[in-house]
């Protein structure tokens, strides 16, 4: 499955972390690894719309990232990766 030449769409509405307590970027990467994100050349998912059951990332240096409704894309392998998080336009106050 790793080399089929297609993206792995993990889930269209996954709960990311099960609560809204803050995460560091390192904790987010550990979660991605536990979901198998680095086992495929391209992996993606979207966070469910529950703000109470999706984490926020606070240590980015460019503001807080709320994962509720966010699209997460992972390209590459664990040691050489690009992670793109596209957040919802409806998030305010984060």
C-alpha atoms as a PDB file:
ATOM      1  CA  UNK A   1       0.000   0.000   0.000  1.00  0.00           C
ATOM      2  CA  UNK A   2       2.918   2.320   0.556  1.00  0.00           C
ATOM      3  CA  UNK A   3       3.911   2.667  -3.117  1.00  0.00           C
ATOM      4  CA  UNK A   4       0.605   2.692  -4.971  1.00  0.00           C
ATOM      5  CA  UNK A   5       0.995   6.225  -6.311  1.00  0.00           C
ATOM      6  CA  UNK A   6      -2.084   7.597  -4.580  1.00  0.00           C
ATOM      7  CA  UNK A   7      -2.839   9.625  -1.480  1.00  0.00           C
ATOM      8  CA  UNK A   8      -3.977   7.975   1.734  1.00  0.00           C
ATOM      9  CA  UNK A   9      -7.131   9.773   2.857  1.00  0.00           C
ATOM     10  CA  UNK A  10      -7.192   8.667   6.474  1.00  0.00           C
ATOM     11  CA  UNK A  11     -10.533  10.130   7.556  1.00  0.00           C
ATOM     12  CA  UNK A  12     -12.955  12.884   6.619  1.00  0.00           C
ATOM     13  CA  UNK A  13     -13.807  13.769  10.218  1.00  0.00           C
ATOM     14  CA  UNK A  14     -11.378  12.424  12.796  1.00  0.00           C
ATOM     15  CA  UNK A  15     -11.226  13.538  16.425  1.00  0.00           C
ATOM     16  CA  UNK A  16      -7.715  14.884  16.923  1.00  0.00           C
ATOM     17  CA  UNK A  17      -6.620  14.321  20.509  1.00  0.00           C
ATOM     18  CA  UNK A  18     -10.039  13.854  22.192  1.00  0.00           C
ATOM     19  CA  UNK A  19     -10.066  17.209  24.037  1.00  0.00           C
ATOM     20  CA  UNK A  20      -9.237  20.873  23.513  1.00  0.00           C
ATOM     21  CA  UNK A  21      -6.177  21.061  25.771  1.00  0.00           C
ATOM     22  CA  UNK A  22      -3.090  22.524  24.077  1.00  0.00           C
ATOM     23  CA  UNK A  23      -0.508  20.446  22.279  1.00  0.00           C
ATOM     24  CA  UNK A  24       3.059  21.208  21.313  1.00  0.00           C
ATOM     25  CA  UNK A  25       4.167  20.611  17.753  1.00  0.00           C
ATOM     26  CA  UNK A  26       6.136  17.585  18.991  1.00  0.00           C
ATOM     27  CA  UNK A  27       2.985  16.073  20.540  1.00  0.00           C
ATOM     28  CA  UNK A  28       1.112  16.669  17.276  1.00  0.00           C
ATOM     29  CA  UNK A  29       3.834  14.819  15.347  1.00  0.00           C
ATOM     30  CA  UNK A  30       3.632  11.889  17.795  1.00  0.00           C
ATOM     31  CA  UNK A  31      -0.141  11.751  17.153  1.00  0.00           C
ATOM     32  CA  UNK A  32       0.431  11.804  13.388  1.00  0.00           C
ATOM     33  CA  UNK A  33       2.880   8.940  13.750  1.00  0.00           C
ATOM     34  CA  UNK A  34       0.353   6.932  15.801  1.00  0.00           C
ATOM     35  CA  UNK A  35      -2.171   7.389  12.973  1.00  0.00           C
ATOM     36  CA  UNK A  36       0.249   6.027  10.353  1.00  0.00           C
ATOM     37  CA  UNK A  37       0.774   9.370   8.622  1.00  0.00           C
ATOM     38  CA  UNK A  38       4.443   8.635   7.881  1.00  0.00           C
ATOM     39  CA  UNK A  39       3.750   5.218   6.338  1.00  0.00           C
ATOM     40  CA  UNK A  40       2.567   6.780   3.062  1.00  0.00           C
ATOM     41  CA  UNK A  41       4.153   9.285   0.663  1.00  0.00           C
ATOM     42  CA  UNK A  42       1.069  11.511   1.036  1.00  0.00           C
ATOM     43  CA  UNK A  43      -1.466  11.262   3.885  1.00  0.00           C
ATOM     44  CA  UNK A  44      -4.376  13.502   4.812  1.00  0.00           C
ATOM     45  CA  UNK A  45      -7.314  13.832   7.188  1.00  0.00           C
ATOM     46  CA  UNK A  46      -9.782  16.440   8.358  1.00  0.00           C
ATOM     47  CA  UNK A  47     -10.578  17.173  11.986  1.00  0.00           C
ATOM     48  CA  UNK A  48     -14.175  16.829  13.106  1.00  0.00           C
ATOM     49  CA  UNK A  49     -16.111  20.021  13.810  1.00  0.00           C
ATOM     50  CA  UNK A  50     -16.176  19.462  17.573  1.00  0.00           C
ATOM     51  CA  UNK A  51     -14.078  22.219  19.141  1.00  0.00           C
ATOM     52  CA  UNK A  52     -14.278  20.419  22.506  1.00  0.00           C
ATOM     53  CA  UNK A  53     -12.711  17.213  21.107  1.00  0.00           C
ATOM     54  CA  UNK A  54      -9.911  18.556  18.926  1.00  0.00           C
ATOM     55  CA  UNK A  55      -6.573  19.880  20.125  1.00  0.00           C
ATOM     56  CA  UNK A  56      -4.992  23.272  19.593  1.00  0.00           C
ATOM     57  CA  UNK A  57      -1.283  23.744  18.872  1.00  0.00           C
ATOM     58  CA  UNK A  58       0.219  26.686  20.737  1.00  0.00           C
ATOM     59  CA  UNK A  59       4.001  26.657  20.189  1.00  0.00           C
ATOM     60  CA  UNK A  60       4.273  27.468  16.481  1.00  0.00           C
ATOM     61  CA  UNK A  61       5.481  31.045  16.721  1.00  0.00           C
ATOM     62  CA  UNK A  62       2.796  32.098  14.242  1.00  0.00           C
ATOM     63  CA  UNK A  63      -0.281  31.919  16.444  1.00  0.00           C
ATOM     64  CA  UNK A  64      -2.517  29.190  17.805  1.00  0.00           C
ATOM     65  CA  UNK A  65      -3.675  26.467  15.418  1.00  0.00           C
ATOM     66  CA  UNK A  66      -7.095  24.977  16.153  1.00  0.00           C
ATOM     67  CA  UNK A  67      -7.439  21.497  14.653  1.00  0.00           C
ATOM     68  CA  UNK A  68     -11.275  21.386  14.660  1.00  0.00           C
ATOM     69  CA  UNK A  69     -12.314  21.309  11.011  1.00  0.00           C
ATOM     70  CA  UNK A  70      -8.691  21.602   9.867  1.00  0.00           C
ATOM     71  CA  UNK A  71      -7.314  19.670   6.902  1.00  0.00           C
ATOM     72  CA  UNK A  72      -3.974  18.049   7.734  1.00  0.00           C
ATOM     73  CA  UNK A  73      -1.649  16.904   4.970  1.00  0.00           C
ATOM     74  CA  UNK A  74       1.612  15.024   5.504  1.00  0.00           C
ATOM     75  CA  UNK A  75       4.123  14.645   2.695  1.00  0.00           C
ATOM     76  CA  UNK A  76       7.339  12.691   3.036  1.00  0.00           C
ATOM     77  CA  UNK A  77       8.735  10.402   5.707  1.00  0.00           C
ATOM     78  CA  UNK A  78       9.355  10.868   9.435  1.00  0.00           C
ATOM     79  CA  UNK A  79      12.857  12.303   9.045  1.00  0.00           C
ATOM     80  CA  UNK A  80      12.103  14.571   6.070  1.00  0.00           C
ATOM     81  CA  UNK A  81       8.501  15.703   6.130  1.00  0.00           C
ATOM     82  CA  UNK A  82       6.278  18.589   5.208  1.00  0.00           C
ATOM     83  CA  UNK A  83       3.116  19.048   7.251  1.00  0.00           C
ATOM     84  CA  UNK A  84       0.466  21.456   6.026  1.00  0.00           C
ATOM     85  CA  UNK A  85      -2.483  22.396   8.246  1.00  0.00           C
ATOM     86  CA  UNK A  86      -5.294  24.356   6.627  1.00  0.00           C
ATOM     87  CA  UNK A  87      -7.547  25.751   9.327  1.00  0.00           C
ATOM     88  CA  UNK A  88     -11.187  26.647   9.131  1.00  0.00           C
ATOM     89  CA  UNK A  89     -12.079  30.229   8.300  1.00  0.00           C
ATOM     90  CA  UNK A  90     -14.765  30.086  11.010  1.00  0.00           C
ATOM     91  CA  UNK A  91     -12.258  29.860  13.867  1.00  0.00           C
ATOM     92  CA  UNK A  92     -12.000  33.117  15.762  1.00  0.00           C
ATOM     93  CA  UNK A  93     -10.435  34.050  19.046  1.00  0.00           C
ATOM     94  CA  UNK A  94      -7.807  31.300  18.875  1.00  0.00           C
END
